[in-house]
Amino acid sequence: MSKRYTQKQKTLDWLKTYGDLTFKDAVKYLDILDVRKRVEELRKEGYNIITITNKSASGAKYGAYRLIEEE
């Protein structure tokens, strides 16, 4: 019996593999509409995830999540 690949696990895998995760990436590639909730769940489990603010070429600000891994 295989485990279900949860949205929380998808979020964590993305952060570990690709780094920053934006809302747009979460919707487009992971089919996650409420990435904030998944990040909050991971934070409660002890993962150090920060929110950073970026600026697009047009000047619009958007947030991204980044996993800070202990060394």
N, C-alpha and C. Protein backbone atom coordinates (compact mmCIF):
# COMPACT_ATOMS: atom_id res chain seq x y z
N MET A 1 0.85 -1.18 0.00
CA MET A 1 0.00 0.00 0.00
C MET A 1 0.90 1.25 0.00
N SER A 2 0.74 2.10 -0.99
CA SER A 2 1.59 3.29 -1.09
C SER A 2 0.96 4.48 -0.37
N LYS A 3 1.84 5.34 0.12
CA LYS A 3 1.39 6.54 0.79
C LYS A 3 0.91 7.56 -0.23
N ARG A 4 -0.07 8.34 0.15
CA ARG A 4 -0.57 9.40 -0.71
C ARG A 4 0.43 10.55 -0.72
N TYR A 5 0.67 11.12 -1.88
CA TYR A 5 1.59 12.25 -2.02
C TYR A 5 0.81 13.52 -1.71
N THR A 6 0.95 14.01 -0.49
CA THR A 6 0.13 15.13 -0.01
C THR A 6 0.64 16.47 -0.52
N GLN A 7 -0.21 17.48 -0.43
CA GLN A 7 0.18 18.83 -0.81
C GLN A 7 1.32 19.32 0.07
N LYS A 8 1.28 18.96 1.32
CA LYS A 8 2.35 19.35 2.24
C LYS A 8 3.67 18.75 1.79
N GLN A 9 3.67 17.48 1.40
CA GLN A 9 4.89 16.83 0.95
C GLN A 9 5.37 17.42 -0.38
N LYS A 10 4.43 17.73 -1.27
CA LYS A 10 4.79 18.37 -2.54
C LYS A 10 5.48 19.71 -2.28
N THR A 11 4.94 20.47 -1.33
CA THR A 11 5.51 21.77 -0.98
C THR A 11 6.93 21.61 -0.45
N LEU A 12 7.12 20.70 0.46
CA LEU A 12 8.44 20.47 1.05
C LEU A 12 9.43 20.00 -0.01
N ASP A 13 9.02 19.09 -0.86
CA ASP A 13 9.90 18.59 -1.92
C ASP A 13 10.32 19.71 -2.86
N TRP A 14 9.38 20.59 -3.22
CA TRP A 14 9.71 21.72 -4.10
C TRP A 14 10.75 22.62 -3.43
N LEU A 15 10.52 22.96 -2.17
CA LEU A 15 11.43 23.84 -1.46
C LEU A 15 12.84 23.24 -1.38
N LYS A 16 12.92 21.95 -1.17
CA LYS A 16 14.22 21.29 -1.08
C LYS A 16 14.90 21.17 -2.45
N THR A 17 14.11 21.02 -3.50
CA THR A 17 14.66 20.80 -4.84
C THR A 17 14.94 22.09 -5.60
N TYR A 18 13.98 23.00 -5.57
CA TYR A 18 14.06 24.20 -6.42
C TYR A 18 14.34 25.49 -5.65
N GLY A 19 14.18 25.47 -4.35
CA GLY A 19 14.37 26.70 -3.58
C GLY A 19 13.07 27.43 -3.38
N ASP A 20 12.99 28.64 -3.88
CA ASP A 20 11.82 29.49 -3.65
C ASP A 20 10.55 28.92 -4.27
N LEU A 21 9.45 29.12 -3.56
CA LEU A 21 8.14 28.70 -4.04
C LEU A 21 7.19 29.89 -3.97
N THR A 22 6.65 30.28 -5.12
CA THR A 22 5.67 31.37 -5.18
C THR A 22 4.26 30.78 -5.28
N PHE A 23 3.28 31.63 -5.07
CA PHE A 23 1.89 31.21 -5.23
C PHE A 23 1.66 30.70 -6.65
N LYS A 24 2.21 31.43 -7.62
CA LYS A 24 2.04 31.06 -9.03
C LYS A 24 2.62 29.67 -9.31
N ASP A 25 3.81 29.39 -8.78
CA ASP A 25 4.42 28.07 -8.96
C ASP A 25 3.57 26.99 -8.30
N ALA A 26 3.07 27.29 -7.10
CA ALA A 26 2.28 26.30 -6.36
C ALA A 26 1.03 25.91 -7.14
N VAL A 27 0.38 26.89 -7.74
CA VAL A 27 -0.84 26.62 -8.51
C VAL A 27 -0.50 25.89 -9.82
N LYS A 28 0.47 26.42 -10.53
CA LYS A 28 0.80 25.90 -11.87
C LYS A 28 1.42 24.50 -11.86
N TYR A 29 2.37 24.29 -10.96
CA TYR A 29 3.12 23.04 -10.99
C TYR A 29 2.69 22.00 -9.94
N LEU A 30 2.13 22.48 -8.83
CA LEU A 30 1.80 21.56 -7.74
C LEU A 30 0.30 21.40 -7.52
N ASP A 31 -0.50 22.20 -8.22
CA ASP A 31 -1.96 22.16 -8.08
C ASP A 31 -2.39 22.44 -6.64
N ILE A 32 -1.73 23.43 -6.02
CA ILE A 32 -2.03 23.84 -4.65
C ILE A 32 -2.54 25.27 -4.68
N LEU A 33 -3.76 25.47 -4.21
CA LEU A 33 -4.36 26.80 -4.22
C LEU A 33 -4.07 27.60 -2.96
N ASP A 34 -3.84 26.93 -1.84
CA ASP A 34 -3.57 27.65 -0.59
C ASP A 34 -2.21 27.23 -0.04
N VAL A 35 -1.17 27.71 -0.69
CA VAL A 35 0.19 27.34 -0.30
C VAL A 35 0.53 27.88 1.08
N ARG A 36 -0.10 28.98 1.48
CA ARG A 36 0.16 29.53 2.82
C ARG A 36 -0.16 28.52 3.91
N LYS A 37 -1.24 27.80 3.73
CA LYS A 37 -1.65 26.80 4.71
C LYS A 37 -0.64 25.65 4.78
N ARG A 38 -0.16 25.21 3.63
CA ARG A 38 0.83 24.13 3.60
C ARG A 38 2.13 24.57 4.27
N VAL A 39 2.55 25.81 4.01
CA VAL A 39 3.76 26.34 4.62
C VAL A 39 3.59 26.44 6.13
N GLU A 40 2.44 26.88 6.57
CA GLU A 40 2.17 26.99 8.01
C GLU A 40 2.24 25.61 8.67
N GLU A 41 1.70 24.59 8.02
CA GLU A 41 1.78 23.23 8.56
C GLU A 41 3.23 22.79 8.70
N LEU A 42 4.04 23.08 7.69
CA LEU A 42 5.45 22.70 7.74
C LEU A 42 6.19 23.47 8.83
N ARG A 43 5.87 24.73 9.00
CA ARG A 43 6.48 25.52 10.07
C ARG A 43 6.16 24.93 11.43
N LYS A 44 4.91 24.51 11.61
CA LYS A 44 4.50 23.92 12.89
C LYS A 44 5.24 22.61 13.16
N GLU A 45 5.69 21.95 12.11
CA GLU A 45 6.46 20.71 12.26
C GLU A 45 7.94 21.00 12.48
N GLY A 46 8.30 22.28 12.50
CA GLY A 46 9.68 22.64 12.82
C GLY A 46 10.54 23.06 11.64
N TYR A 47 10.01 23.08 10.44
CA TYR A 47 10.79 23.53 9.30
C TYR A 47 10.93 25.05 9.34
N ASN A 48 12.15 25.52 9.09
CA ASN A 48 12.42 26.96 9.10
C ASN A 48 12.19 27.49 7.68
N ILE A 49 11.00 28.04 7.46
CA ILE A 49 10.62 28.56 6.15
C ILE A 49 10.39 30.05 6.30
N ILE A 50 11.12 30.83 5.51
CA ILE A 50 10.96 32.28 5.57
C ILE A 50 10.16 32.76 4.36
N THR A 51 9.59 33.93 4.50
CA THR A 51 8.88 34.57 3.41
C THR A 51 9.74 35.73 2.93
N ILE A 52 10.01 35.76 1.65
CA ILE A 52 10.78 36.86 1.08
C ILE A 52 9.91 37.61 0.08
N THR A 53 10.21 38.88 -0.10
CA THR A 53 9.47 39.70 -1.05
C THR A 53 10.36 39.99 -2.25
N ASN A 54 9.82 39.71 -3.42
CA ASN A 54 10.52 39.96 -4.68
C ASN A 54 9.76 41.03 -5.47
N LYS A 55 10.40 41.54 -6.50
CA LYS A 55 9.76 42.52 -7.37
C LYS A 55 9.88 42.02 -8.81
N SER A 56 8.76 42.05 -9.52
CA SER A 56 8.76 41.61 -10.92
C SER A 56 9.34 42.71 -11.80
N ALA A 57 9.53 42.39 -13.07
CA ALA A 57 10.07 43.36 -14.03
C ALA A 57 9.17 44.59 -14.14
N SER A 58 7.88 44.39 -13.92
CA SER A 58 6.94 45.52 -14.02
C SER A 58 6.87 46.31 -12.72
N GLY A 59 7.56 45.84 -11.69
CA GLY A 59 7.58 46.54 -10.41
C GLY A 59 6.60 46.01 -9.38
N ALA A 60 5.79 45.01 -9.75
CA ALA A 60 4.83 44.43 -8.81
C ALA A 60 5.58 43.57 -7.79
N LYS A 61 5.17 43.68 -6.53
CA LYS A 61 5.78 42.87 -5.47
C LYS A 61 5.04 41.55 -5.34
N TYR A 62 5.79 40.50 -5.03
CA TYR A 62 5.19 39.20 -4.77
C TYR A 62 6.05 38.45 -3.76
N GLY A 63 5.41 37.57 -3.04
CA GLY A 63 6.11 36.82 -1.99
C GLY A 63 6.53 35.44 -2.48
N ALA A 64 7.54 34.93 -1.82
CA ALA A 64 8.01 33.58 -2.10
C ALA A 64 8.45 32.96 -0.77
N TYR A 65 8.35 31.66 -0.70
CA TYR A 65 8.77 30.92 0.50
C TYR A 65 10.11 30.27 0.22
N ARG A 66 10.96 30.23 1.25
CA ARG A 66 12.28 29.63 1.12
C ARG A 66 12.58 28.81 2.38
N LEU A 67 13.01 27.58 2.17
CA LEU A 67 13.39 26.70 3.27
C LEU A 67 14.83 26.99 3.65
N ILE A 68 15.04 27.26 4.94
CA ILE A 68 16.38 27.47 5.47
C ILE A 68 16.76 26.18 6.19
N GLU A 69 17.70 25.46 5.61
CA GLU A 69 18.09 24.18 6.18
C GLU A 69 19.30 24.36 7.09
N GLU A 70 19.26 23.67 8.21
CA GLU A 70 20.36 23.71 9.17
C GLU A 70 21.56 22.98 8.57
N GLU A 71 22.73 23.45 8.87
CA GLU A 71 23.95 22.79 8.36
C GLU A 71 24.58 21.95 9.42
